[in-house]
Amino acid sequence: MSKNKSFMFGMGLLAGVVSGIVAGVLFAPKPGEESRRELKDAACELYEKHSPAIKEAKKQALESVDLMKYKLERQLRKFNNMVKSRKLLKAKELESLSDDEYEY
């Protein structure tokens, strides 16, 4: 569980840094073209500096998504099997009731 918490902290930290850079560049009193160039340069620098960490975070995020997808599919199969078994049980009960009605 602590691996997941540290991953989430890292993702939050990365999101905060990126948001801060974007907000700083966009609200700076400079022409639009200069701001866009600075934003692009900052994004490229950030990516180059943190590329291994970004790749690892992406890998962990995809693994987490795959794990959750697997768990949800498994739960859905269990639920569907439960519904089918209850329907089958109800059909058997109704069948036995109707058989009892026709016995003389």
Protein backbone atom coordinates (compact mmCIF):
# COMPACT_ATOMS: atom_id res chain seq x y z
CA MET A 1 0.00 0.00 0.00
CA SER A 2 2.86 2.41 0.70
CA LYS A 3 4.11 1.96 -2.89
CA ASN A 4 0.73 3.18 -4.10
CA LYS A 5 0.81 6.17 -1.73
CA SER A 6 4.30 7.18 -2.86
CA PHE A 7 3.21 6.81 -6.49
CA MET A 8 0.20 9.04 -5.88
CA PHE A 9 2.37 11.57 -4.06
CA GLY A 10 4.80 11.60 -6.99
CA MET A 11 1.99 12.09 -9.49
CA GLY A 12 0.55 14.90 -7.40
CA LEU A 13 3.94 16.55 -7.12
CA LEU A 14 4.49 16.31 -10.86
CA ALA A 15 1.03 17.72 -11.57
CA GLY A 16 1.69 20.59 -9.18
CA VAL A 17 5.01 21.44 -10.80
CA VAL A 18 3.55 21.35 -14.30
CA SER A 19 0.53 23.42 -13.22
CA GLY A 20 2.79 25.98 -11.55
CA ILE A 21 4.94 26.36 -14.64
CA VAL A 22 1.93 26.71 -16.93
CA ALA A 23 0.23 29.24 -14.65
CA GLY A 24 3.44 31.24 -14.24
CA VAL A 25 4.03 31.48 -17.95
CA LEU A 26 0.42 32.20 -18.87
CA PHE A 27 -0.05 34.96 -16.29
CA ALA A 28 3.31 36.64 -16.94
CA PRO A 29 3.01 40.08 -18.58
CA LYS A 30 4.68 39.07 -21.85
CA PRO A 31 3.50 38.78 -25.44
CA GLY A 32 1.73 35.53 -26.35
CA GLU A 33 4.42 34.27 -28.70
CA GLU A 34 7.14 34.72 -26.09
CA SER A 35 4.99 33.06 -23.42
CA ARG A 36 4.29 30.08 -25.66
CA ARG A 37 7.98 29.71 -26.47
CA GLU A 38 8.89 29.83 -22.76
CA LEU A 39 6.16 27.32 -21.96
CA LYS A 40 7.42 24.97 -24.68
CA ASP A 41 11.03 25.34 -23.48
CA ALA A 42 10.02 24.70 -19.87
CA ALA A 43 7.99 21.63 -20.84
CA CYS A 44 10.86 20.22 -22.92
CA GLU A 45 13.32 20.87 -20.10
CA LEU A 46 11.01 19.25 -17.55
CA TYR A 47 10.52 16.21 -19.77
CA GLU A 48 14.24 15.81 -20.42
CA LYS A 49 15.08 16.21 -16.74
CA HIS A 50 12.40 13.84 -15.47
CA SER A 51 11.98 11.47 -18.43
CA PRO A 52 12.87 8.27 -16.50
CA ALA A 53 10.54 9.20 -13.65
CA ILE A 54 7.75 10.06 -16.09
CA LYS A 55 8.19 6.75 -17.90
CA GLU A 56 8.15 4.85 -14.59
CA ALA A 57 5.04 6.73 -13.43
CA LYS A 58 3.34 5.95 -16.75
CA LYS A 59 4.29 2.27 -16.42
CA GLN A 60 2.94 2.11 -12.86
CA ALA A 61 -0.25 3.90 -13.86
CA LEU A 62 -0.85 1.47 -16.72
CA GLU A 63 -0.17 -1.50 -14.43
CA SER A 64 -2.65 -0.10 -11.89
CA VAL A 65 -5.27 0.38 -14.60
CA ASP A 66 -4.74 -3.19 -15.84
CA LEU A 67 -5.02 -4.56 -12.30
CA MET A 68 -8.23 -2.62 -11.61
CA LYS A 69 -9.64 -3.73 -14.97
CA TYR A 70 -8.88 -7.36 -14.10
CA LYS A 71 -10.46 -7.02 -10.64
CA LEU A 72 -13.58 -5.35 -12.04
CA GLU A 73 -13.97 -7.99 -14.76
CA ARG A 74 -13.61 -10.74 -12.13
CA GLN A 75 -16.23 -9.11 -9.91
CA LEU A 76 -18.56 -8.67 -12.88
CA ARG A 77 -18.20 -12.38 -13.75
CA LYS A 78 -18.97 -13.33 -10.13
CA PHE A 79 -22.02 -11.06 -10.13
CA ASN A 80 -23.26 -12.47 -13.45
CA ASN A 81 -22.80 -16.03 -12.20
CA MET A 82 -24.70 -15.17 -9.02
CA VAL A 83 -27.57 -13.68 -11.02
CA LYS A 84 -27.68 -16.71 -13.32
CA SER A 85 -27.68 -19.14 -10.39
CA ARG A 86 -30.50 -17.24 -8.69
CA LYS A 87 -32.51 -17.18 -11.90
CA LEU A 88 -31.95 -20.92 -12.29
CA LEU A 89 -32.97 -21.54 -8.68
CA LYS A 90 -36.10 -19.43 -9.13
CA ALA A 91 -36.97 -21.30 -12.34
CA LYS A 92 -36.59 -24.64 -10.54
CA GLU A 93 -38.84 -23.42 -7.72
CA LEU A 94 -41.48 -22.31 -10.22
CA GLU A 95 -41.19 -25.61 -12.06
CA SER A 96 -41.67 -27.60 -8.89
CA LEU A 97 -44.68 -25.45 -7.97
CA SER A 98 -46.27 -25.98 -11.35
CA ASP A 99 -45.55 -29.74 -11.16
CA ASP A 100 -47.28 -29.86 -7.77
CA GLU A 101 -50.39 -28.19 -9.21
CA TYR A 102 -50.83 -30.88 -11.85
CA GLU A 103 -50.42 -33.87 -9.56
CA TYR A 104 -53.71 -35.56 -8.68
